[in-house]
Amino acid sequence: MLADFSLASVSEVLCCIGAQVDVVEVPAPAKVPLWVQVVLDQNHAGFRDFAEVSRPLVLHAAYYLGASFVTSYPVLRWEIGREDRPEVRQPVVTGFGSGEDLPVLAVAERALLAGDPGAAAREWRHAVWVG
């Protein structure tokens, strides 16, 4: 594996990281509507999260994802999430032509939990240039 911060390497690097993370079943958050819990119960699904010991690996995946975009596209840069966004005060990559910010932690978490590490790069490449 060549971890060179290219977008082509994101899938393989995140796949290697994903193989090392532990995912655990957790209780539903207190504010989850009852109907959501009913649907999850009907489908034998639950809420999953990363085991605490895996958090450093998840952060590593998020940093690698963001650094790969910043390295690949000079128009992008690291920032802190805006006050009007859910990722307020979290690291984001900004400068996308779409006007969106890439919330690296949320995107990396979603990709690792879904078992599709390549999704993170695929979903955000389209947002770099809008024209």
Protein backbone atom coordinates (compact mmCIF):
# COMPACT_ATOMS: atom_id res chain seq x y z
CA MET A 1 0.00 0.00 0.00
CA LEU A 2 1.31 3.42 -0.95
CA ALA A 3 0.01 6.03 1.51
CA ASP A 4 0.97 9.08 -0.53
CA PHE A 5 -2.04 11.31 0.28
CA SER A 6 -3.41 10.93 -3.24
CA LEU A 7 -7.14 10.43 -3.70
CA ALA A 8 -6.36 7.14 -5.39
CA SER A 9 -4.85 5.88 -2.11
CA VAL A 10 -7.80 6.87 0.12
CA SER A 11 -9.81 3.70 -0.42
CA GLU A 12 -6.91 1.37 0.36
CA VAL A 13 -5.67 3.35 3.37
CA LEU A 14 -9.16 3.64 4.85
CA CYS A 15 -9.74 -0.06 4.15
CA CYS A 16 -6.60 -0.93 6.14
CA ILE A 17 -7.70 1.34 8.97
CA GLY A 18 -11.23 -0.05 8.82
CA ALA A 19 -9.91 -3.60 9.26
CA GLN A 20 -8.42 -2.53 12.60
CA VAL A 21 -11.37 -0.65 14.11
CA ASP A 22 -13.83 -2.26 16.47
CA VAL A 23 -17.52 -1.42 16.04
CA VAL A 24 -19.90 -1.99 18.93
CA GLU A 25 -23.67 -1.95 19.37
CA VAL A 26 -24.79 0.95 21.56
CA PRO A 27 -28.12 1.93 23.07
CA ALA A 28 -30.31 4.33 21.14
CA PRO A 29 -29.72 7.98 21.97
CA ALA A 30 -32.34 9.41 24.32
CA LYS A 31 -33.80 11.76 21.69
CA VAL A 32 -34.43 9.09 19.04
CA PRO A 33 -38.12 9.07 18.09
CA LEU A 34 -39.96 5.89 19.00
CA TRP A 35 -40.80 5.13 15.36
CA VAL A 36 -37.08 5.01 14.51
CA GLN A 37 -36.45 2.47 17.25
CA VAL A 38 -39.46 0.41 16.07
CA VAL A 39 -38.12 0.29 12.49
CA LEU A 40 -34.66 -0.69 13.73
CA ASP A 41 -36.14 -3.43 15.91
CA GLN A 42 -38.23 -4.77 13.00
CA ASN A 43 -35.11 -4.99 10.84
CA HIS A 44 -32.91 -6.45 13.60
CA ALA A 45 -30.70 -3.39 13.36
CA GLY A 46 -29.34 -1.14 16.03
CA PHE A 47 -27.10 1.78 16.68
CA ARG A 48 -23.44 1.18 16.06
CA ASP A 49 -20.45 3.20 17.14
CA PHE A 50 -16.72 2.78 17.37
CA ALA A 51 -15.18 1.21 20.44
CA GLU A 52 -13.29 3.80 22.45
CA VAL A 53 -9.96 2.12 21.67
CA SER A 54 -10.65 2.63 17.96
CA ARG A 55 -11.19 6.40 18.16
CA PRO A 56 -7.53 7.25 17.36
CA LEU A 57 -7.77 5.12 14.21
CA VAL A 58 -10.96 6.91 13.16
CA LEU A 59 -9.23 10.26 13.65
CA HIS A 60 -6.31 9.01 11.58
CA ALA A 61 -8.72 8.02 8.78
CA ALA A 62 -10.38 11.46 8.93
CA TYR A 63 -7.06 13.28 8.77
CA TYR A 64 -5.86 11.11 5.89
CA LEU A 65 -9.07 11.77 3.96
CA GLY A 66 -8.83 15.54 4.42
CA ALA A 67 -5.09 15.70 3.77
CA SER A 68 -5.56 13.72 0.56
CA PHE A 69 -8.07 16.26 -0.76
CA VAL A 70 -5.92 19.23 0.27
CA THR A 71 -2.84 17.61 -1.32
CA SER A 72 -4.68 16.70 -4.52
CA TYR A 73 -6.45 20.02 -5.05
CA PRO A 74 -4.51 23.22 -4.23
CA VAL A 75 -7.78 25.18 -4.16
CA LEU A 76 -8.81 23.31 -0.97
CA ARG A 77 -7.65 24.11 2.55
CA TRP A 78 -8.22 23.12 6.17
CA GLU A 79 -10.61 25.24 8.24
CA ILE A 80 -12.77 24.98 11.34
CA GLY A 81 -16.48 24.26 10.84
CA ARG A 82 -18.78 27.27 10.63
CA GLU A 83 -21.19 28.23 13.41
CA ASP A 84 -24.25 27.53 11.24
CA ARG A 85 -23.25 23.94 10.45
CA PRO A 86 -23.47 20.70 12.46
CA GLU A 87 -19.68 20.35 12.29
CA VAL A 88 -19.19 23.65 14.13
CA ARG A 89 -15.61 24.00 15.41
CA GLN A 90 -14.59 20.64 13.94
CA PRO A 91 -11.91 20.27 11.25
CA VAL A 92 -13.29 20.59 7.73
CA VAL A 93 -11.83 20.92 4.27
CA THR A 94 -13.19 23.96 2.48
CA GLY A 95 -12.83 25.63 -0.91
CA PHE A 96 -15.10 23.28 -2.85
CA GLY A 97 -16.77 24.83 -5.88
CA SER A 98 -20.10 23.60 -4.56
CA GLY A 99 -19.70 25.79 -1.46
CA GLU A 100 -19.88 22.75 0.80
CA ASP A 101 -17.34 21.93 3.47
CA LEU A 102 -16.06 18.38 3.86
CA PRO A 103 -16.62 17.38 7.51
CA VAL A 104 -13.76 14.89 7.54
CA LEU A 105 -14.60 13.16 10.82
CA ALA A 106 -18.27 12.55 9.97
CA VAL A 107 -17.46 11.39 6.44
CA ALA A 108 -14.68 9.05 7.58
CA GLU A 109 -16.90 7.61 10.33
CA ARG A 110 -19.72 6.98 7.86
CA ALA A 111 -17.38 5.32 5.36
CA LEU A 112 -15.80 3.08 8.00
CA LEU A 113 -19.14 2.07 9.53
CA ALA A 114 -20.61 1.32 6.12
CA GLY A 115 -17.61 -0.80 5.17
CA ASP A 116 -17.12 1.21 1.97
CA PRO A 117 -13.98 3.31 2.47
CA GLY A 118 -13.88 4.39 -1.17
CA ALA A 119 -17.22 6.13 -0.78
CA ALA A 120 -15.64 9.05 1.06
CA ALA A 121 -13.48 10.08 -1.90
CA ARG A 122 -16.11 9.24 -4.52
CA GLU A 123 -18.82 11.31 -2.87
CA TRP A 124 -16.68 14.42 -2.46
CA ARG A 125 -14.69 14.52 -5.71
CA HIS A 126 -17.76 15.89 -7.52
CA ALA A 127 -17.92 18.87 -5.16
CA VAL A 128 -14.43 20.21 -5.99
CA TRP A 129 -15.37 21.82 -9.29
CA VAL A 130 -18.81 23.14 -10.00
CA GLY A 131 -19.17 24.91 -13.26
